[in-house]
Amino acid sequence: MKDFIIPDDRDFGTPYVRSTATVTLNIDGFDVTVPEGTSIMRAAAEIGITVPKLCATDSLDAFGSCRLCLVEIEGRAGTPASCTTPVAPGIKVKTQTGKLKDLRRGVMELYISDHPLDCLTCAANGDCELQDMAGAVGLRDVRYEAVDTHFRAKNNSGEANPQWLPKDDSNPYFTYDPAKCIVCSR
């Protein structure tokens, strides 16, 4: 009987970096050594720590638009996006703090407020990254209601129409629905 190897099909968030130089850092109390130039997001994924993300995927260069993958780095101000922040020797990164939880939930609440709330009738229900991430960051309620959104058609005078922009199903591999788009650049 042959041994079968199951390929690792996890999405590490950012592409693998080839480098002979390595960097050791600490993420959530765990030391990890990765190739120089690796993103903090990918370094975390390499040791099994999942950082919430929407725009990041290992099949594209990091863009950093969704802002869900924020982390804290000891001794540095702010909360950089882990997908666009490269590792550095000896840094200590935290991926799960109360501050990050609040920031992520707030960001997700803004995405959801500008999104049609038809999840129960949506064809992607149960297979939706937006739903998954809303759950992962603990979003239960949305305080905001979208008045005008990025996916509404404009009339000749530049005012938003009440109709949604039409779906584009010209590509045989996917359908683009502007009403569902969160403008992540993916």
N, C-alpha and C. Protein backbone atom coordinates (compact mmCIF):
# COMPACT_ATOMS: atom_id res chain seq x y z
N MET A 1 0.84 -1.18 0.00
CA MET A 1 0.00 0.00 0.00
C MET A 1 0.89 1.25 0.00
N LYS A 2 0.55 2.21 -0.84
CA LYS A 2 1.30 3.46 -0.94
C LYS A 2 0.87 4.44 0.12
N ASP A 3 1.84 5.23 0.58
CA ASP A 3 1.51 6.33 1.49
C ASP A 3 1.07 7.52 0.65
N PHE A 4 -0.04 8.10 1.03
CA PHE A 4 -0.53 9.28 0.33
C PHE A 4 -0.29 10.51 1.20
N ILE A 5 0.20 11.54 0.58
CA ILE A 5 0.43 12.80 1.29
C ILE A 5 -0.69 13.75 0.91
N ILE A 6 -1.38 14.24 1.92
CA ILE A 6 -2.45 15.19 1.68
C ILE A 6 -1.81 16.57 1.60
N PRO A 7 -2.01 17.26 0.49
CA PRO A 7 -1.38 18.58 0.37
C PRO A 7 -1.98 19.58 1.35
N ASP A 8 -1.13 20.48 1.82
CA ASP A 8 -1.58 21.53 2.73
C ASP A 8 -2.24 22.62 1.90
N ASP A 9 -3.56 22.71 1.97
CA ASP A 9 -4.27 23.68 1.13
C ASP A 9 -4.71 24.92 1.91
N ARG A 10 -4.11 25.12 3.10
CA ARG A 10 -4.42 26.33 3.86
C ARG A 10 -3.94 27.56 3.08
N ASP A 11 -4.66 28.64 3.26
CA ASP A 11 -4.24 29.91 2.68
C ASP A 11 -3.48 30.66 3.77
N PHE A 12 -2.19 30.87 3.56
CA PHE A 12 -1.34 31.50 4.56
C PHE A 12 -1.42 33.02 4.54
N GLY A 13 -2.24 33.58 3.67
CA GLY A 13 -2.47 35.02 3.65
C GLY A 13 -1.56 35.81 2.75
N THR A 14 -0.32 35.43 2.66
CA THR A 14 0.63 36.10 1.77
C THR A 14 1.53 35.06 1.14
N PRO A 15 2.09 35.35 -0.03
CA PRO A 15 2.92 34.36 -0.72
C PRO A 15 4.17 33.97 0.08
N TYR A 16 4.65 32.77 -0.18
CA TYR A 16 5.89 32.29 0.42
C TYR A 16 7.05 33.12 -0.12
N VAL A 17 8.00 33.44 0.74
CA VAL A 17 9.18 34.21 0.36
C VAL A 17 10.38 33.28 0.36
N ARG A 18 11.12 33.29 -0.73
CA ARG A 18 12.34 32.49 -0.80
C ARG A 18 13.52 33.38 -0.41
N SER A 19 14.23 32.96 0.62
CA SER A 19 15.39 33.71 1.08
C SER A 19 16.27 32.76 1.86
N THR A 20 17.58 32.91 1.71
CA THR A 20 18.51 32.08 2.50
C THR A 20 18.68 32.64 3.90
N ALA A 21 18.43 33.94 4.06
CA ALA A 21 18.50 34.56 5.38
C ALA A 21 17.19 34.31 6.13
N THR A 22 17.30 34.08 7.43
CA THR A 22 16.10 33.85 8.22
C THR A 22 16.01 34.88 9.35
N VAL A 23 14.81 35.00 9.87
CA VAL A 23 14.51 35.92 10.95
C VAL A 23 13.74 35.16 12.02
N THR A 24 14.11 35.39 13.27
CA THR A 24 13.37 34.79 14.39
C THR A 24 12.65 35.89 15.14
N LEU A 25 11.38 35.67 15.38
CA LEU A 25 10.55 36.62 16.11
C LEU A 25 9.64 35.84 17.04
N ASN A 26 8.88 36.57 17.86
CA ASN A 26 7.97 35.94 18.80
C ASN A 26 6.55 36.40 18.49
N ILE A 27 5.66 35.44 18.31
CA ILE A 27 4.25 35.75 18.05
C ILE A 27 3.40 35.06 19.11
N ASP A 28 2.70 35.85 19.87
CA ASP A 28 1.82 35.33 20.93
C ASP A 28 2.54 34.36 21.87
N GLY A 29 3.81 34.66 22.16
CA GLY A 29 4.58 33.83 23.09
C GLY A 29 5.33 32.67 22.44
N PHE A 30 5.19 32.50 21.14
CA PHE A 30 5.86 31.40 20.44
C PHE A 30 6.95 31.96 19.52
N ASP A 31 8.15 31.39 19.61
CA ASP A 31 9.21 31.79 18.70
C ASP A 31 9.02 31.09 17.36
N VAL A 32 9.28 31.83 16.30
CA VAL A 32 9.16 31.28 14.95
C VAL A 32 10.30 31.83 14.11
N THR A 33 10.88 30.98 13.28
CA THR A 33 11.94 31.38 12.37
C THR A 33 11.44 31.19 10.95
N VAL A 34 11.49 32.26 10.18
CA VAL A 34 10.97 32.25 8.81
C VAL A 34 11.97 32.95 7.88
N PRO A 35 11.81 32.78 6.58
CA PRO A 35 12.69 33.49 5.65
C PRO A 35 12.52 35.01 5.77
N GLU A 36 13.62 35.71 5.65
CA GLU A 36 13.60 37.17 5.68
C GLU A 36 12.64 37.68 4.60
N GLY A 37 11.84 38.68 4.92
CA GLY A 37 10.86 39.23 3.97
C GLY A 37 9.48 38.64 4.11
N THR A 38 9.33 37.63 4.95
CA THR A 38 8.02 37.01 5.20
C THR A 38 7.14 38.01 5.95
N SER A 39 5.85 37.99 5.68
CA SER A 39 4.92 38.86 6.42
C SER A 39 4.66 38.27 7.80
N ILE A 40 4.29 39.15 8.72
CA ILE A 40 3.91 38.68 10.06
C ILE A 40 2.73 37.73 9.96
N MET A 41 1.78 38.02 9.05
CA MET A 41 0.62 37.14 8.89
C MET A 41 1.05 35.72 8.53
N ARG A 42 1.94 35.60 7.56
CA ARG A 42 2.37 34.28 7.12
C ARG A 42 3.17 33.59 8.22
N ALA A 43 4.03 34.33 8.92
CA ALA A 43 4.80 33.74 10.01
C ALA A 43 3.86 33.17 11.07
N ALA A 44 2.80 33.90 11.38
CA ALA A 44 1.81 33.41 12.35
C ALA A 44 1.14 32.14 11.83
N ALA A 45 0.74 32.16 10.57
CA ALA A 45 0.08 30.98 9.98
C ALA A 45 1.01 29.77 9.97
N GLU A 46 2.29 29.99 9.79
CA GLU A 46 3.27 28.89 9.78
C GLU A 46 3.27 28.12 11.09
N ILE A 47 2.94 28.80 12.20
CA ILE A 47 2.90 28.12 13.50
C ILE A 47 1.48 27.87 13.99
N GLY A 48 0.52 28.00 13.08
CA GLY A 48 -0.86 27.65 13.39
C GLY A 48 -1.69 28.74 14.02
N ILE A 49 -1.21 29.98 14.01
CA ILE A 49 -1.98 31.10 14.55
C ILE A 49 -2.70 31.77 13.39
N THR A 50 -4.01 31.82 13.47
CA THR A 50 -4.82 32.42 12.43
C THR A 50 -5.10 33.87 12.77
N VAL A 51 -4.74 34.76 11.86
CA VAL A 51 -5.04 36.18 12.01
C VAL A 51 -6.23 36.46 11.08
N PRO A 52 -7.31 37.08 11.57
CA PRO A 52 -8.46 37.37 10.71
C PRO A 52 -8.04 38.16 9.46
N LYS A 53 -8.67 37.85 8.33
CA LYS A 53 -8.32 38.52 7.08
C LYS A 53 -9.47 38.43 6.09
N LEU A 54 -9.55 39.40 5.20
CA LEU A 54 -10.49 39.35 4.08
C LEU A 54 -9.76 39.55 2.75
N CYS A 55 -8.89 40.54 2.69
CA CYS A 55 -8.26 40.86 1.41
C CYS A 55 -7.02 40.02 1.14
N ALA A 56 -6.41 39.47 2.17
CA ALA A 56 -5.15 38.74 2.01
C ALA A 56 -5.37 37.32 1.53
N THR A 57 -4.50 36.90 0.62
CA THR A 57 -4.48 35.52 0.14
C THR A 57 -3.08 35.22 -0.35
N ASP A 58 -2.65 33.97 -0.21
CA ASP A 58 -1.28 33.67 -0.61
C ASP A 58 -1.11 33.56 -2.12
N SER A 59 -2.18 33.75 -2.87
CA SER A 59 -2.06 33.73 -4.33
C SER A 59 -1.84 35.13 -4.92
N LEU A 60 -1.85 36.17 -4.07
CA LEU A 60 -1.64 37.56 -4.52
C LEU A 60 -0.71 38.28 -3.55
N ASP A 61 0.00 39.29 -4.06
CA ASP A 61 0.79 40.12 -3.17
C ASP A 61 -0.14 40.86 -2.22
N ALA A 62 0.33 41.06 -1.01
CA ALA A 62 -0.48 41.71 0.02
C ALA A 62 -0.82 43.14 -0.37
N PHE A 63 -2.05 43.54 -0.03
CA PHE A 63 -2.54 44.86 -0.36
C PHE A 63 -2.86 45.67 0.89
N GLY A 64 -3.34 45.00 1.93
CA GLY A 64 -3.60 45.65 3.21
C GLY A 64 -4.84 46.51 3.26
N SER A 65 -5.82 46.23 2.43
CA SER A 65 -6.97 47.13 2.39
C SER A 65 -8.05 46.82 3.42
N CYS A 66 -8.19 45.59 3.87
CA CYS A 66 -9.33 45.26 4.73
C CYS A 66 -9.14 45.67 6.18
N ARG A 67 -7.93 45.74 6.65
CA ARG A 67 -7.57 46.18 8.01
C ARG A 67 -8.07 45.24 9.11
N LEU A 68 -8.42 44.01 8.78
CA LEU A 68 -8.81 43.04 9.81
C LEU A 68 -7.60 42.37 10.45
N CYS A 69 -6.48 42.35 9.74
CA CYS A 69 -5.32 41.60 10.21
C CYS A 69 -4.38 42.44 11.08
N LEU A 70 -4.91 43.46 11.71
CA LEU A 70 -4.10 44.32 12.56
C LEU A 70 -3.45 43.52 13.69
N VAL A 71 -2.23 43.92 14.04
CA VAL A 71 -1.50 43.30 15.15
C VAL A 71 -0.86 44.40 15.99
N GLU A 72 -0.41 44.03 17.16
CA GLU A 72 0.37 44.94 18.00
C GLU A 72 1.80 44.43 18.05
N ILE A 73 2.76 45.33 17.94
CA ILE A 73 4.17 44.99 18.02
C ILE A 73 4.75 45.73 19.22
N GLU A 74 5.30 44.98 20.15
CA GLU A 74 5.85 45.57 21.37
C GLU A 74 6.87 46.65 21.04
N GLY A 75 6.67 47.83 21.65
CA GLY A 75 7.60 48.93 21.46
C GLY A 75 7.32 49.80 20.25
N ARG A 76 6.31 49.46 19.47
CA ARG A 76 5.94 50.26 18.31
C ARG A 76 4.54 50.83 18.50
N ALA A 77 4.35 52.04 18.01
CA ALA A 77 3.04 52.67 18.08
C ALA A 77 2.14 52.13 16.98
N GLY A 78 0.85 52.18 17.21
CA GLY A 78 -0.11 51.80 16.18
C GLY A 78 -0.35 50.31 16.10
N THR A 79 -1.19 49.97 15.13
CA THR A 79 -1.56 48.58 14.89
C THR A 79 -1.42 48.30 13.40
N PRO A 80 -0.24 47.87 12.96
CA PRO A 80 -0.02 47.65 11.53
C PRO A 80 -0.76 46.41 11.01
N ALA A 81 -1.01 46.40 9.72
CA ALA A 81 -1.60 45.24 9.06
C ALA A 81 -0.53 44.15 8.99
N SER A 82 -0.86 42.97 9.46
CA SER A 82 0.13 41.89 9.49
C SER A 82 0.46 41.36 8.10
N CYS A 83 -0.43 41.58 7.13
CA CYS A 83 -0.18 41.08 5.78
C CYS A 83 0.87 41.90 5.04
N THR A 84 1.02 43.18 5.38
CA THR A 84 1.97 44.04 4.69
C THR A 84 3.18 44.39 5.55
N THR A 85 3.23 43.90 6.77
CA THR A 85 4.35 44.19 7.66
C THR A 85 5.31 43.01 7.67
N PRO A 86 6.55 43.23 7.22
CA PRO A 86 7.51 42.13 7.22
C PRO A 86 8.03 41.84 8.63
N VAL A 87 8.45 40.61 8.83
CA VAL A 87 9.03 40.22 10.11
C VAL A 87 10.33 40.98 10.32
N ALA A 88 10.73 41.10 11.57
CA ALA A 88 12.01 41.72 11.93
C ALA A 88 12.59 40.92 13.09
N PRO A 89 13.91 40.85 13.17
CA PRO A 89 14.53 40.05 14.22
C PRO A 89 14.14 40.51 15.62
N GLY A 90 13.71 39.56 16.45
CA GLY A 90 13.45 39.80 17.85
C GLY A 90 12.16 40.53 18.20
N ILE A 91 11.34 40.90 17.22
CA ILE A 91 10.11 41.61 17.58
C ILE A 91 9.16 40.66 18.29
N LYS A 92 8.31 41.27 19.12
CA LYS A 92 7.28 40.51 19.84
C LYS A 92 5.93 41.00 19.35
N VAL A 93 5.18 40.09 18.76
CA VAL A 93 3.91 40.43 18.12
C VAL A 93 2.77 39.81 18.92
N LYS A 94 1.70 40.58 19.07
CA LYS A 94 0.47 40.06 19.68
C LYS A 94 -0.61 40.11 18.62
N THR A 95 -1.30 38.98 18.44
CA THR A 95 -2.37 38.93 17.43
C THR A 95 -3.75 38.96 18.07
N GLN A 96 -3.83 38.77 19.37
CA GLN A 96 -5.14 38.71 20.04
C GLN A 96 -5.08 39.50 21.34
N THR A 97 -5.59 40.72 21.30
CA THR A 97 -5.70 41.54 22.52
C THR A 97 -7.10 42.16 22.51
N GLY A 98 -7.49 42.72 23.63
CA GLY A 98 -8.78 43.39 23.70
C GLY A 98 -8.87 44.55 22.72
N LYS A 99 -7.79 45.30 22.60
CA LYS A 99 -7.76 46.44 21.67
C LYS A 99 -7.96 45.96 20.23
N LEU A 100 -7.25 44.90 19.85
CA LEU A 100 -7.38 44.37 18.48
C LEU A 100 -8.78 43.82 18.24
N LYS A 101 -9.32 43.16 19.23
CA LYS A 101 -10.68 42.61 19.11
C LYS A 101 -11.68 43.73 18.83
N ASP A 102 -11.58 44.83 19.58
CA ASP A 102 -12.49 45.96 19.38
C ASP A 102 -12.30 46.61 18.01
N LEU A 103 -11.05 46.80 17.60
CA LEU A 103 -10.78 47.40 16.29
C LEU A 103 -11.33 46.53 15.15
N ARG A 104 -11.09 45.23 15.23
CA ARG A 104 -11.55 44.32 14.18
C ARG A 104 -13.07 44.28 14.11
N ARG A 105 -13.71 44.23 15.26
CA ARG A 105 -15.17 44.20 15.27
C ARG A 105 -15.73 45.49 14.67
N GLY A 106 -15.11 46.63 14.98
CA GLY A 106 -15.54 47.91 14.42
C GLY A 106 -15.37 47.97 12.91
N VAL A 107 -14.24 47.47 12.42
CA VAL A 107 -14.00 47.45 10.97
C VAL A 107 -15.03 46.55 10.29
N MET A 108 -15.26 45.38 10.85
CA MET A 108 -16.22 44.45 10.26
C MET A 108 -17.63 45.02 10.29
N GLU A 109 -17.96 45.74 11.33
CA GLU A 109 -19.28 46.36 11.43
C GLU A 109 -19.49 47.35 10.28
N LEU A 110 -18.46 48.09 9.92
CA LEU A 110 -18.56 49.03 8.80
C LEU A 110 -18.74 48.28 7.48
N TYR A 111 -18.02 47.18 7.29
CA TYR A 111 -18.21 46.38 6.07
C TYR A 111 -19.65 45.88 5.97
N ILE A 112 -20.14 45.32 7.05
CA ILE A 112 -21.48 44.75 7.04
C ILE A 112 -22.55 45.83 6.85
N SER A 113 -22.31 47.02 7.39
CA SER A 113 -23.30 48.09 7.26
C SER A 113 -23.45 48.57 5.82
N ASP A 114 -22.44 48.30 4.99
CA ASP A 114 -22.46 48.71 3.58
C ASP A 114 -22.68 47.50 2.68
N HIS A 115 -23.34 46.50 3.20
CA HIS A 115 -23.51 45.23 2.50
C HIS A 115 -24.98 44.82 2.57
N PRO A 116 -25.52 44.28 1.48
CA PRO A 116 -26.92 43.83 1.56
C PRO A 116 -27.04 42.71 2.60
N LEU A 117 -27.97 42.86 3.51
CA LEU A 117 -28.11 41.88 4.58
C LEU A 117 -29.10 40.78 4.16
N ASP A 118 -28.69 40.03 3.16
CA ASP A 118 -29.53 38.94 2.65
C ASP A 118 -28.83 37.59 2.82
N CYS A 119 -28.06 37.46 3.88
CA CYS A 119 -27.24 36.27 4.08
C CYS A 119 -28.03 34.97 4.04
N LEU A 120 -29.23 34.97 4.58
CA LEU A 120 -29.99 33.73 4.63
C LEU A 120 -30.49 33.29 3.24
N THR A 121 -30.60 34.23 2.31
CA THR A 121 -31.05 33.89 0.96
C THR A 121 -29.92 33.96 -0.06
N CYS A 122 -28.73 34.35 0.37
CA CYS A 122 -27.57 34.47 -0.52
C CYS A 122 -27.08 33.08 -0.92
N ALA A 123 -26.70 32.92 -2.18
CA ALA A 123 -26.22 31.63 -2.68
C ALA A 123 -24.94 31.19 -1.97
N ALA A 124 -24.16 32.13 -1.46
CA ALA A 124 -22.90 31.80 -0.78
C ALA A 124 -23.08 31.49 0.70
N ASN A 125 -24.31 31.57 1.22
CA ASN A 125 -24.55 31.33 2.64
C ASN A 125 -23.91 30.02 3.07
N GLY A 126 -23.08 30.10 4.11
CA GLY A 126 -22.38 28.92 4.58
C GLY A 126 -21.02 28.75 3.93
N ASP A 127 -20.76 29.44 2.84
CA ASP A 127 -19.47 29.39 2.14
C ASP A 127 -19.06 30.82 1.81
N CYS A 128 -19.00 31.65 2.84
CA CYS A 128 -18.79 33.08 2.65
C CYS A 128 -17.73 33.57 3.62
N GLU A 129 -16.63 34.11 3.09
CA GLU A 129 -15.56 34.62 3.94
C GLU A 129 -16.04 35.79 4.79
N LEU A 130 -16.91 36.62 4.25
CA LEU A 130 -17.42 37.76 5.02
C LEU A 130 -18.19 37.28 6.24
N GLN A 131 -19.08 36.31 6.06
CA GLN A 131 -19.81 35.72 7.18
C GLN A 131 -18.85 35.10 8.19
N ASP A 132 -17.88 34.34 7.67
CA ASP A 132 -16.92 33.67 8.54
C ASP A 132 -16.14 34.67 9.40
N MET A 133 -15.67 35.74 8.77
CA MET A 133 -14.89 36.73 9.51
C MET A 133 -15.76 37.53 10.47
N ALA A 134 -17.00 37.80 10.11
CA ALA A 134 -17.91 38.48 11.04
C ALA A 134 -18.06 37.65 12.31
N GLY A 135 -18.21 36.35 12.14
CA GLY A 135 -18.29 35.45 13.28
C GLY A 135 -16.98 35.37 14.05
N ALA A 136 -15.86 35.34 13.32
CA ALA A 136 -14.54 35.22 13.96
C ALA A 136 -14.21 36.43 14.83
N VAL A 137 -14.67 37.61 14.43
CA VAL A 137 -14.37 38.81 15.22
C VAL A 137 -15.47 39.12 16.23
N GLY A 138 -16.49 38.27 16.29
CA GLY A 138 -17.53 38.41 17.30
C GLY A 138 -18.60 39.44 16.99
N LEU A 139 -18.79 39.76 15.71
CA LEU A 139 -19.82 40.75 15.35
C LEU A 139 -21.19 40.09 15.43
N ARG A 140 -22.05 40.67 16.24
CA ARG A 140 -23.41 40.15 16.41
C ARG A 140 -24.46 41.16 15.93
N ASP A 141 -24.20 42.44 16.13
CA ASP A 141 -25.15 43.49 15.78
C ASP A 141 -24.44 44.58 15.00
N VAL A 142 -25.19 45.26 14.14
CA VAL A 142 -24.66 46.38 13.37
C VAL A 142 -25.41 47.63 13.78
N ARG A 143 -24.66 48.64 14.22
CA ARG A 143 -25.27 49.89 14.69
C ARG A 143 -25.55 50.86 13.56
N TYR A 144 -24.95 50.64 12.40
CA TYR A 144 -25.04 51.61 11.31
C TYR A 144 -25.94 51.09 10.20
N GLU A 145 -26.56 52.02 9.52
CA GLU A 145 -27.38 51.67 8.36
C GLU A 145 -26.84 52.43 7.16
N ALA A 146 -26.55 51.73 6.09
CA ALA A 146 -26.01 52.37 4.89
C ALA A 146 -27.08 53.25 4.25
N VAL A 147 -26.74 54.49 3.98
CA VAL A 147 -27.64 55.41 3.31
C VAL A 147 -27.36 55.39 1.82
N ASP A 148 -26.11 55.54 1.45
CA ASP A 148 -25.69 55.45 0.05
C ASP A 148 -24.45 54.58 0.04
N THR A 149 -24.31 53.76 -0.96
CA THR A 149 -23.21 52.81 -0.97
C THR A 149 -22.43 52.87 -2.26
N HIS A 150 -21.29 52.22 -2.26
CA HIS A 150 -20.40 52.23 -3.41
C HIS A 150 -20.92 51.40 -4.58
N PHE A 151 -21.90 50.57 -4.35
CA PHE A 151 -22.33 49.66 -5.40
C PHE A 151 -23.67 50.04 -6.02
N ARG A 152 -24.10 51.24 -5.80
CA ARG A 152 -25.33 51.71 -6.43
C ARG A 152 -24.99 52.37 -7.77
N ALA A 153 -25.85 52.16 -8.73
CA ALA A 153 -25.66 52.79 -10.04
C ALA A 153 -25.91 54.29 -9.93
N LYS A 154 -25.25 55.06 -10.77
CA LYS A 154 -25.45 56.51 -10.80
C LYS A 154 -26.31 56.86 -12.01
N ASN A 155 -27.17 57.86 -11.83
CA ASN A 155 -27.95 58.32 -12.97
C ASN A 155 -27.15 59.39 -13.71
N ASN A 156 -27.73 59.98 -14.75
CA ASN A 156 -27.00 60.95 -15.57
C ASN A 156 -26.55 62.18 -14.80
N SER A 157 -27.23 62.54 -13.73
CA SER A 157 -26.83 63.71 -12.95
C SER A 157 -25.86 63.35 -11.82
N GLY A 158 -25.42 62.08 -11.77
CA GLY A 158 -24.45 61.67 -10.76
C GLY A 158 -25.04 61.24 -9.44
N GLU A 159 -26.37 61.24 -9.33
CA GLU A 159 -27.02 60.82 -8.09
C GLU A 159 -27.21 59.31 -8.09
N ALA A 160 -27.21 58.73 -6.91
CA ALA A 160 -27.36 57.28 -6.81
C ALA A 160 -28.79 56.86 -7.13
N ASN A 161 -28.93 55.84 -7.94
CA ASN A 161 -30.24 55.24 -8.23
C ASN A 161 -30.59 54.27 -7.13
N PRO A 162 -31.84 53.97 -6.93
CA PRO A 162 -32.19 52.97 -5.93
C PRO A 162 -31.86 51.55 -6.39
N GLN A 163 -31.59 51.35 -7.69
CA GLN A 163 -31.27 50.03 -8.20
C GLN A 163 -29.80 49.70 -7.97
N TRP A 164 -29.53 48.41 -7.77
CA TRP A 164 -28.16 47.94 -7.65
C TRP A 164 -27.52 47.91 -9.03
N LEU A 165 -26.21 48.03 -9.06
CA LEU A 165 -25.50 47.79 -10.31
C LEU A 165 -25.74 46.34 -10.70
N PRO A 166 -25.79 46.03 -11.98
CA PRO A 166 -26.08 44.64 -12.38
C PRO A 166 -24.89 43.71 -12.13
N LYS A 167 -25.21 42.44 -11.94
CA LYS A 167 -24.17 41.41 -11.83
C LYS A 167 -23.48 41.28 -13.18
N ASP A 168 -22.19 40.97 -13.13
CA ASP A 168 -21.42 40.72 -14.34
C ASP A 168 -21.07 39.24 -14.36
N ASP A 169 -21.72 38.50 -15.23
CA ASP A 169 -21.44 37.06 -15.32
C ASP A 169 -20.78 36.73 -16.65
N SER A 170 -20.05 37.68 -17.21
CA SER A 170 -19.38 37.48 -18.51
C SER A 170 -18.19 36.54 -18.39
N ASN A 171 -17.64 36.36 -17.20
CA ASN A 171 -16.52 35.45 -17.01
C ASN A 171 -17.06 34.05 -16.71
N PRO A 172 -16.59 33.03 -17.40
CA PRO A 172 -17.13 31.68 -17.15
C PRO A 172 -16.74 31.09 -15.80
N TYR A 173 -15.79 31.71 -15.09
CA TYR A 173 -15.30 31.14 -13.84
C TYR A 173 -15.87 31.79 -12.58
N PHE A 174 -16.37 33.00 -12.70
CA PHE A 174 -16.95 33.64 -11.53
C PHE A 174 -17.93 34.73 -11.97
N THR A 175 -18.80 35.08 -11.07
CA THR A 175 -19.74 36.18 -11.28
C THR A 175 -19.34 37.30 -10.34
N TYR A 176 -19.30 38.51 -10.85
CA TYR A 176 -18.99 39.67 -10.02
C TYR A 176 -20.29 40.37 -9.70
N ASP A 177 -20.60 40.45 -8.42
CA ASP A 177 -21.82 41.11 -7.97
C ASP A 177 -21.41 42.35 -7.17
N PRO A 178 -21.55 43.54 -7.76
CA PRO A 178 -21.13 44.76 -7.06
C PRO A 178 -21.83 44.97 -5.72
N ALA A 179 -23.02 44.45 -5.56
CA ALA A 179 -23.74 44.59 -4.30
C ALA A 179 -23.06 43.82 -3.18
N LYS A 180 -22.30 42.81 -3.51
CA LYS A 180 -21.62 41.98 -2.50
C LYS A 180 -20.16 42.38 -2.31
N CYS A 181 -19.65 43.24 -3.17
CA CYS A 181 -18.24 43.63 -3.16
C CYS A 181 -17.92 44.49 -1.94
N ILE A 182 -16.81 44.19 -1.26
CA ILE A 182 -16.38 45.02 -0.13
C ILE A 182 -15.16 45.87 -0.51
N VAL A 183 -14.82 45.91 -1.79
CA VAL A 183 -13.75 46.74 -2.32
C VAL A 183 -12.41 46.39 -1.66
N CYS A 184 -12.10 45.09 -1.63
CA CYS A 184 -10.86 44.64 -0.99
C CYS A 184 -9.70 44.56 -1.98
N SER A 185 -9.97 44.79 -3.25
CA SER A 185 -8.96 44.73 -4.32
C SER A 185 -8.50 43.32 -4.63
N ARG A 186 -9.21 42.33 -4.17
CA ARG A 186 -8.86 40.95 -4.46
C ARG A 186 -9.54 40.53 -5.75
